[in-house]
């Protein structure tokens, strides 16, 4: 299993990167406690032209500044004052694209994840949904701005291959105020995987 290189994140097609992240392994390490899971659900956010993106219209604040860094950094923010949401910054410097990692299928450190989430046993919702994911993996605002290549936080490739038929694209969740951009098929899930949040079917075939 190898850590994904910086070049993977620095392409200019955030949709392709969001899709390609499916099946990769997200890993965290705290005080020698390793937790990891296979990415099963992502959402692409297309920079200054996407009304659902924090950088829409070139908006630049202390909160989203890391989105303007080179691809391969973590962008974490607080949603509703409660949940930490973990994003992967993509594209080149000053091109603020990002991918929200919404769900994983837990692999390593499940007892640690259960303890963090205060849950008795493993069920699909342990790390399904972006708030559940960060809680299970111990991701907080301290991770925002870190690169994705260190022992404490990285994404790895274990060689699993997904075909186009294995991936479903749907509209994103919770971005209804973005108008026509809310309808774009920028959410990607692994077909048939129960470790995802929200809709699990192709809206064009439902």
C-alpha atoms as a PDB file:
ATOM      1  CA  UNK A   1       0.000   0.000   0.000  1.00  0.00           C
ATOM      2  CA  UNK A   2       1.493   3.329  -1.056  1.00  0.00           C
ATOM      3  CA  UNK A   3       0.661   6.905  -0.111  1.00  0.00           C
ATOM      4  CA  UNK A   4      -0.918   8.713  -3.051  1.00  0.00           C
ATOM      5  CA  UNK A   5       1.574  11.228  -4.518  1.00  0.00           C
ATOM      6  CA  UNK A   6       1.041  14.981  -4.799  1.00  0.00           C
ATOM      7  CA  UNK A   7       0.608  14.752  -8.577  1.00  0.00           C
ATOM      8  CA  UNK A   8      -2.684  12.876  -8.083  1.00  0.00           C
ATOM      9  CA  UNK A   9      -4.276  15.940  -6.457  1.00  0.00           C
ATOM     10  CA  UNK A  10      -2.942  18.614  -8.789  1.00  0.00           C
ATOM     11  CA  UNK A  11      -4.937  17.914 -11.912  1.00  0.00           C
ATOM     12  CA  UNK A  12      -7.551  20.454 -13.003  1.00  0.00           C
ATOM     13  CA  UNK A  13     -10.530  18.055 -13.178  1.00  0.00           C
ATOM     14  CA  UNK A  14     -11.924  17.890  -9.639  1.00  0.00           C
ATOM     15  CA  UNK A  15     -14.777  15.630 -10.771  1.00  0.00           C
ATOM     16  CA  UNK A  16     -12.331  12.981 -11.989  1.00  0.00           C
ATOM     17  CA  UNK A  17     -10.303  13.253  -8.792  1.00  0.00           C
ATOM     18  CA  UNK A  18     -13.428  12.898  -6.641  1.00  0.00           C
ATOM     19  CA  UNK A  19     -14.367   9.767  -8.562  1.00  0.00           C
ATOM     20  CA  UNK A  20     -10.812   8.377  -8.463  1.00  0.00           C
ATOM     21  CA  UNK A  21     -10.673   8.758  -4.668  1.00  0.00           C
ATOM     22  CA  UNK A  22     -13.344   6.083  -4.321  1.00  0.00           C
ATOM     23  CA  UNK A  23     -11.739   2.882  -3.113  1.00  0.00           C
ATOM     24  CA  UNK A  24      -8.652   4.612  -1.724  1.00  0.00           C
ATOM     25  CA  UNK A  25      -7.717   4.248   1.963  1.00  0.00           C
ATOM     26  CA  UNK A  26      -7.965   7.255   4.310  1.00  0.00           C
ATOM     27  CA  UNK A  27      -5.608   6.823   7.273  1.00  0.00           C
ATOM     28  CA  UNK A  28      -5.174   8.721  10.543  1.00  0.00           C
ATOM     29  CA  UNK A  29      -2.767   8.109  13.395  1.00  0.00           C
ATOM     30  CA  UNK A  30      -3.029   9.561  16.911  1.00  0.00           C
ATOM     31  CA  UNK A  31      -0.759   8.447  19.769  1.00  0.00           C
ATOM     32  CA  UNK A  32       0.071   5.257  17.850  1.00  0.00           C
ATOM     33  CA  UNK A  33      -3.613   4.457  17.334  1.00  0.00           C
ATOM     34  CA  UNK A  34      -4.143   3.907  13.613  1.00  0.00           C
ATOM     35  CA  UNK A  35      -7.609   4.137  12.102  1.00  0.00           C
ATOM     36  CA  UNK A  36      -8.431   3.752   8.441  1.00  0.00           C
ATOM     37  CA  UNK A  37     -11.217   3.097   5.997  1.00  0.00           C
ATOM     38  CA  UNK A  38     -11.927   2.686   2.313  1.00  0.00           C
ATOM     39  CA  UNK A  39     -13.463   5.808   0.782  1.00  0.00           C
ATOM     40  CA  UNK A  40     -16.981   5.039  -0.412  1.00  0.00           C
ATOM     41  CA  UNK A  41     -18.519   8.487  -0.992  1.00  0.00           C
ATOM     42  CA  UNK A  42     -17.149  11.836  -2.174  1.00  0.00           C
ATOM     43  CA  UNK A  43     -18.384  15.189  -3.452  1.00  0.00           C
ATOM     44  CA  UNK A  44     -16.589  17.517  -5.869  1.00  0.00           C
ATOM     45  CA  UNK A  45     -16.579  21.298  -5.329  1.00  0.00           C
ATOM     46  CA  UNK A  46     -15.505  23.209  -8.398  1.00  0.00           C
ATOM     47  CA  UNK A  47     -13.867  26.365  -7.132  1.00  0.00           C
ATOM     48  CA  UNK A  48     -14.859  29.899  -8.053  1.00  0.00           C
ATOM     49  CA  UNK A  49     -17.556  28.849 -10.564  1.00  0.00           C
ATOM     50  CA  UNK A  50     -19.502  26.548  -8.224  1.00  0.00           C
ATOM     51  CA  UNK A  51     -22.146  28.236  -6.079  1.00  0.00           C
ATOM     52  CA  UNK A  52     -21.963  25.375  -3.565  1.00  0.00           C
ATOM     53  CA  UNK A  53     -18.213  25.877  -3.048  1.00  0.00           C
ATOM     54  CA  UNK A  54     -16.764  27.982  -0.226  1.00  0.00           C
ATOM     55  CA  UNK A  55     -14.550  29.715  -2.802  1.00  0.00           C
ATOM     56  CA  UNK A  56     -17.389  30.664  -5.165  1.00  0.00           C
ATOM     57  CA  UNK A  57     -16.756  33.987  -6.875  1.00  0.00           C
ATOM     58  CA  UNK A  58     -13.177  34.043  -5.600  1.00  0.00           C
ATOM     59  CA  UNK A  59     -14.211  34.328  -1.942  1.00  0.00           C
ATOM     60  CA  UNK A  60     -11.127  34.148   0.242  1.00  0.00           C
ATOM     61  CA  UNK A  61     -11.281  34.145   4.048  1.00  0.00           C
ATOM     62  CA  UNK A  62      -9.152  32.856   6.923  1.00  0.00           C
ATOM     63  CA  UNK A  63     -11.419  29.789   7.010  1.00  0.00           C
ATOM     64  CA  UNK A  64     -11.045  28.776   3.372  1.00  0.00           C
ATOM     65  CA  UNK A  65      -7.528  30.097   2.688  1.00  0.00           C
ATOM     66  CA  UNK A  66      -6.089  26.577   2.527  1.00  0.00           C
ATOM     67  CA  UNK A  67      -8.297  25.913  -0.504  1.00  0.00           C
ATOM     68  CA  UNK A  68      -5.979  28.218  -2.449  1.00  0.00           C
ATOM     69  CA  UNK A  69      -2.926  26.087  -1.627  1.00  0.00           C
ATOM     70  CA  UNK A  70      -1.556  23.443  -3.974  1.00  0.00           C
ATOM     71  CA  UNK A  71      -3.530  20.226  -4.188  1.00  0.00           C
ATOM     72  CA  UNK A  72      -2.729  17.681  -1.509  1.00  0.00           C
ATOM     73  CA  UNK A  73      -3.694  19.638   1.618  1.00  0.00           C
ATOM     74  CA  UNK A  74      -6.497  18.981   4.081  1.00  0.00           C
ATOM     75  CA  UNK A  75      -9.277  21.534   4.448  1.00  0.00           C
ATOM     76  CA  UNK A  76     -11.382  20.996   7.579  1.00  0.00           C
ATOM     77  CA  UNK A  77     -14.209  23.258   8.655  1.00  0.00           C
ATOM     78  CA  UNK A  78     -16.993  23.197  11.248  1.00  0.00           C
ATOM     79  CA  UNK A  79     -20.573  22.691  10.072  1.00  0.00           C
ATOM     80  CA  UNK A  80     -23.447  23.971  12.216  1.00  0.00           C
ATOM     81  CA  UNK A  81     -20.951  24.589  15.004  1.00  0.00           C
ATOM     82  CA  UNK A  82     -20.856  20.863  15.735  1.00  0.00           C
ATOM     83  CA  UNK A  83     -19.409  18.667  12.982  1.00  0.00           C
ATOM     84  CA  UNK A  84     -15.937  18.745  11.463  1.00  0.00           C
ATOM     85  CA  UNK A  85     -15.968  18.161   7.688  1.00  0.00           C
ATOM     86  CA  UNK A  86     -12.843  16.873   5.964  1.00  0.00           C
ATOM     87  CA  UNK A  87     -11.979  17.970   2.428  1.00  0.00           C
ATOM     88  CA  UNK A  88      -9.088  17.260   0.091  1.00  0.00           C
ATOM     89  CA  UNK A  89      -7.736  20.334  -1.715  1.00  0.00           C
ATOM     90  CA  UNK A  90      -7.071  19.728  -5.418  1.00  0.00           C
ATOM     91  CA  UNK A  91      -5.757  21.576  -8.487  1.00  0.00           C
ATOM     92  CA  UNK A  92      -2.848  24.029  -8.616  1.00  0.00           C
ATOM     93  CA  UNK A  93      -2.095  26.904  -6.273  1.00  0.00           C
ATOM     94  CA  UNK A  94      -4.774  29.627  -6.384  1.00  0.00           C
ATOM     95  CA  UNK A  95      -7.306  27.288  -8.055  1.00  0.00           C
ATOM     96  CA  UNK A  96      -9.526  26.434  -5.066  1.00  0.00           C
ATOM     97  CA  UNK A  97     -11.113  23.102  -5.941  1.00  0.00           C
ATOM     98  CA  UNK A  98     -11.814  20.530  -3.247  1.00  0.00           C
ATOM     99  CA  UNK A  99     -13.329  17.110  -2.616  1.00  0.00           C
ATOM    100  CA  UNK A 100     -15.440  16.456   0.470  1.00  0.00           C
ATOM    101  CA  UNK A 101     -14.880  12.943   1.826  1.00  0.00           C
ATOM    102  CA  UNK A 102     -18.338  11.907   3.004  1.00  0.00           C
ATOM    103  CA  UNK A 103     -18.038   8.242   4.003  1.00  0.00           C
ATOM    104  CA  UNK A 104     -15.666   5.329   4.499  1.00  0.00           C
ATOM    105  CA  UNK A 105     -15.943   1.597   5.046  1.00  0.00           C
ATOM    106  CA  UNK A 106     -13.940   1.096   8.278  1.00  0.00           C
ATOM    107  CA  UNK A 107     -10.905  -1.179   8.009  1.00  0.00           C
ATOM    108  CA  UNK A 108      -8.331  -0.692  10.784  1.00  0.00           C
ATOM    109  CA  UNK A 109      -8.826   0.522  14.335  1.00  0.00           C
ATOM    110  CA  UNK A 110     -12.551  -0.198  14.520  1.00  0.00           C
ATOM    111  CA  UNK A 111     -12.509  -0.439  18.353  1.00  0.00           C
ATOM    112  CA  UNK A 112     -10.957   3.034  18.477  1.00  0.00           C
ATOM    113  CA  UNK A 113     -13.582   4.373  16.083  1.00  0.00           C
ATOM    114  CA  UNK A 114     -16.371   2.878  18.180  1.00  0.00           C
ATOM    115  CA  UNK A 115     -14.932   4.448  21.302  1.00  0.00           C
ATOM    116  CA  UNK A 116     -14.713   7.883  19.672  1.00  0.00           C
ATOM    117  CA  UNK A 117     -18.265   7.627  18.367  1.00  0.00           C
ATOM    118  CA  UNK A 118     -19.595   6.157  21.631  1.00  0.00           C
ATOM    119  CA  UNK A 119     -21.151   3.237  19.762  1.00  0.00           C
ATOM    120  CA  UNK A 120     -21.307  -0.398  20.932  1.00  0.00           C
ATOM    121  CA  UNK A 121     -20.716  -2.182  17.639  1.00  0.00           C
ATOM    122  CA  UNK A 122     -19.931  -1.702  13.985  1.00  0.00           C
ATOM    123  CA  UNK A 123     -22.824  -0.596  11.826  1.00  0.00           C
ATOM    124  CA  UNK A 124     -22.799   1.111   8.413  1.00  0.00           C
ATOM    125  CA  UNK A 125     -23.369   4.566   9.909  1.00  0.00           C
ATOM    126  CA  UNK A 126     -20.217   4.484  12.059  1.00  0.00           C
ATOM    127  CA  UNK A 127     -18.305   6.557   9.487  1.00  0.00           C
ATOM    128  CA  UNK A 128     -21.013   7.255   6.896  1.00  0.00           C
ATOM    129  CA  UNK A 129     -21.735  10.951   6.574  1.00  0.00           C
ATOM    130  CA  UNK A 130     -18.982  13.579   6.850  1.00  0.00           C
ATOM    131  CA  UNK A 131     -19.553  14.336  10.546  1.00  0.00           C
ATOM    132  CA  UNK A 132     -19.544  10.662  11.514  1.00  0.00           C
ATOM    133  CA  UNK A 133     -16.427  10.120   9.421  1.00  0.00           C
ATOM    134  CA  UNK A 134     -14.332  12.774  11.156  1.00  0.00           C
ATOM    135  CA  UNK A 135     -15.523  11.681  14.594  1.00  0.00           C
ATOM    136  CA  UNK A 136     -14.554   8.053  13.922  1.00  0.00           C
ATOM    137  CA  UNK A 137     -11.158   8.979  12.477  1.00  0.00           C
ATOM    138  CA  UNK A 138     -10.367  11.653  15.067  1.00  0.00           C
ATOM    139  CA  UNK A 139     -10.120  14.437  12.476  1.00  0.00           C
ATOM    140  CA  UNK A 140     -10.453  17.962  13.901  1.00  0.00           C
ATOM    141  CA  UNK A 141      -9.593  21.547  12.992  1.00  0.00           C
ATOM    142  CA  UNK A 142      -5.996  20.729  13.968  1.00  0.00           C
ATOM    143  CA  UNK A 143      -5.740  18.791  10.710  1.00  0.00           C
ATOM    144  CA  UNK A 144      -6.755  21.706   8.484  1.00  0.00           C
ATOM    145  CA  UNK A 145      -3.787  22.874   6.434  1.00  0.00           C
ATOM    146  CA  UNK A 146      -1.801  19.667   6.860  1.00  0.00           C
ATOM    147  CA  UNK A 147      -0.510  17.849   3.805  1.00  0.00           C
ATOM    148  CA  UNK A 148      -1.870  14.418   2.977  1.00  0.00           C
ATOM    149  CA  UNK A 149       1.503  12.702   2.872  1.00  0.00           C
ATOM    150  CA  UNK A 150       2.498  12.321   6.540  1.00  0.00           C
ATOM    151  CA  UNK A 151       2.116   9.442   9.005  1.00  0.00           C
ATOM    152  CA  UNK A 152      -0.624  11.251  10.915  1.00  0.00           C
ATOM    153  CA  UNK A 153      -2.905  11.826   7.923  1.00  0.00           C
ATOM    154  CA  UNK A 154      -2.724  10.416   4.429  1.00  0.00           C
ATOM    155  CA  UNK A 155      -4.625   8.668   1.675  1.00  0.00           C
ATOM    156  CA  UNK A 156      -3.190   5.438   0.289  1.00  0.00           C
ATOM    157  CA  UNK A 157      -3.742   3.138  -2.668  1.00  0.00           C
ATOM    158  CA  UNK A 158      -3.862  -0.607  -2.011  1.00  0.00           C
ATOM    159  CA  UNK A 159      -4.433  -1.489  -5.643  1.00  0.00           C
ATOM    160  CA  UNK A 160      -8.192  -1.895  -5.635  1.00  0.00           C
ATOM    161  CA  UNK A 161      -9.593  -1.105  -9.065  1.00  0.00           C
ATOM    162  CA  UNK A 162     -13.088   0.243  -9.704  1.00  0.00           C
ATOM    163  CA  UNK A 163     -14.703   0.316 -13.131  1.00  0.00           C
ATOM    164  CA  UNK A 164     -17.035   3.049 -14.339  1.00  0.00           C
ATOM    165  CA  UNK A 165     -19.896   0.630 -13.712  1.00  0.00           C
ATOM    166  CA  UNK A 166     -18.913   0.446 -10.028  1.00  0.00           C
ATOM    167  CA  UNK A 167     -19.472   4.195  -9.546  1.00  0.00           C
ATOM    168  CA  UNK A 168     -22.745   6.111  -9.306  1.00  0.00           C
ATOM    169  CA  UNK A 169     -22.923   9.907  -9.697  1.00  0.00           C
ATOM    170  CA  UNK A 170     -25.745  11.826  -7.996  1.00  0.00           C
ATOM    171  CA  UNK A 171     -26.461  15.417  -6.953  1.00  0.00           C
ATOM    172  CA  UNK A 172     -24.668  16.566  -3.809  1.00  0.00           C
ATOM    173  CA  UNK A 173     -26.339  16.565  -0.409  1.00  0.00           C
ATOM    174  CA  UNK A 174     -27.326  19.710   1.495  1.00  0.00           C
ATOM    175  CA  UNK A 175     -26.519  22.293  -1.182  1.00  0.00           C
ATOM    176  CA  UNK A 176     -30.052  23.124  -2.326  1.00  0.00           C
ATOM    177  CA  UNK A 177     -29.395  26.880  -2.076  1.00  0.00           C
ATOM    178  CA  UNK A 178     -26.815  26.623  -4.887  1.00  0.00           C
ATOM    179  CA  UNK A 179     -29.496  26.781  -7.584  1.00  0.00           C
ATOM    180  CA  UNK A 180     -28.609  24.985 -10.796  1.00  0.00           C
ATOM    181  CA  UNK A 181     -25.265  23.940  -9.308  1.00  0.00           C
ATOM    182  CA  UNK A 182     -27.161  21.887  -6.727  1.00  0.00           C
ATOM    183  CA  UNK A 183     -28.400  19.662  -9.556  1.00  0.00           C
ATOM    184  CA  UNK A 184     -24.976  18.778 -10.896  1.00  0.00           C
ATOM    185  CA  UNK A 185     -23.937  15.133 -10.491  1.00  0.00           C
ATOM    186  CA  UNK A 186     -20.878  15.856  -8.364  1.00  0.00           C
ATOM    187  CA  UNK A 187     -21.456  13.230  -5.638  1.00  0.00           C
ATOM    188  CA  UNK A 188     -19.849   9.836  -6.214  1.00  0.00           C
ATOM    189  CA  UNK A 189     -20.546   6.557  -4.421  1.00  0.00           C
ATOM    190  CA  UNK A 190     -19.511   2.944  -4.835  1.00  0.00           C
ATOM    191  CA  UNK A 191     -22.423   1.018  -6.282  1.00  0.00           C
ATOM    192  CA  UNK A 192     -24.006  -1.385  -3.796  1.00  0.00           C
ATOM    193  CA  UNK A 193     -21.853  -0.305  -0.842  1.00  0.00           C
ATOM    194  CA  UNK A 194     -23.856   0.051   2.372  1.00  0.00           C
ATOM    195  CA  UNK A 195     -21.236   2.319   3.975  1.00  0.00           C
ATOM    196  CA  UNK A 196     -22.527   5.517   2.367  1.00  0.00           C
ATOM    197  CA  UNK A 197     -24.873   8.280   3.472  1.00  0.00           C
ATOM    198  CA  UNK A 198     -28.005   9.453   1.687  1.00  0.00           C
ATOM    199  CA  UNK A 199     -29.210   8.213  -1.663  1.00  0.00           C
ATOM    200  CA  UNK A 200     -27.633   4.972  -2.905  1.00  0.00           C
ATOM    201  CA  UNK A 201     -29.142   4.820  -6.384  1.00  0.00           C
ATOM    202  CA  UNK A 202     -28.605   6.477  -9.734  1.00  0.00           C
ATOM    203  CA  UNK A 203     -31.226   9.296  -9.890  1.00  0.00           C
ATOM    204  CA  UNK A 204     -31.517   8.814 -13.634  1.00  0.00           C
ATOM    205  CA  UNK A 205     -32.686   5.212 -13.132  1.00  0.00           C
ATOM    206  CA  UNK A 206     -34.751   5.577  -9.959  1.00  0.00           C
END
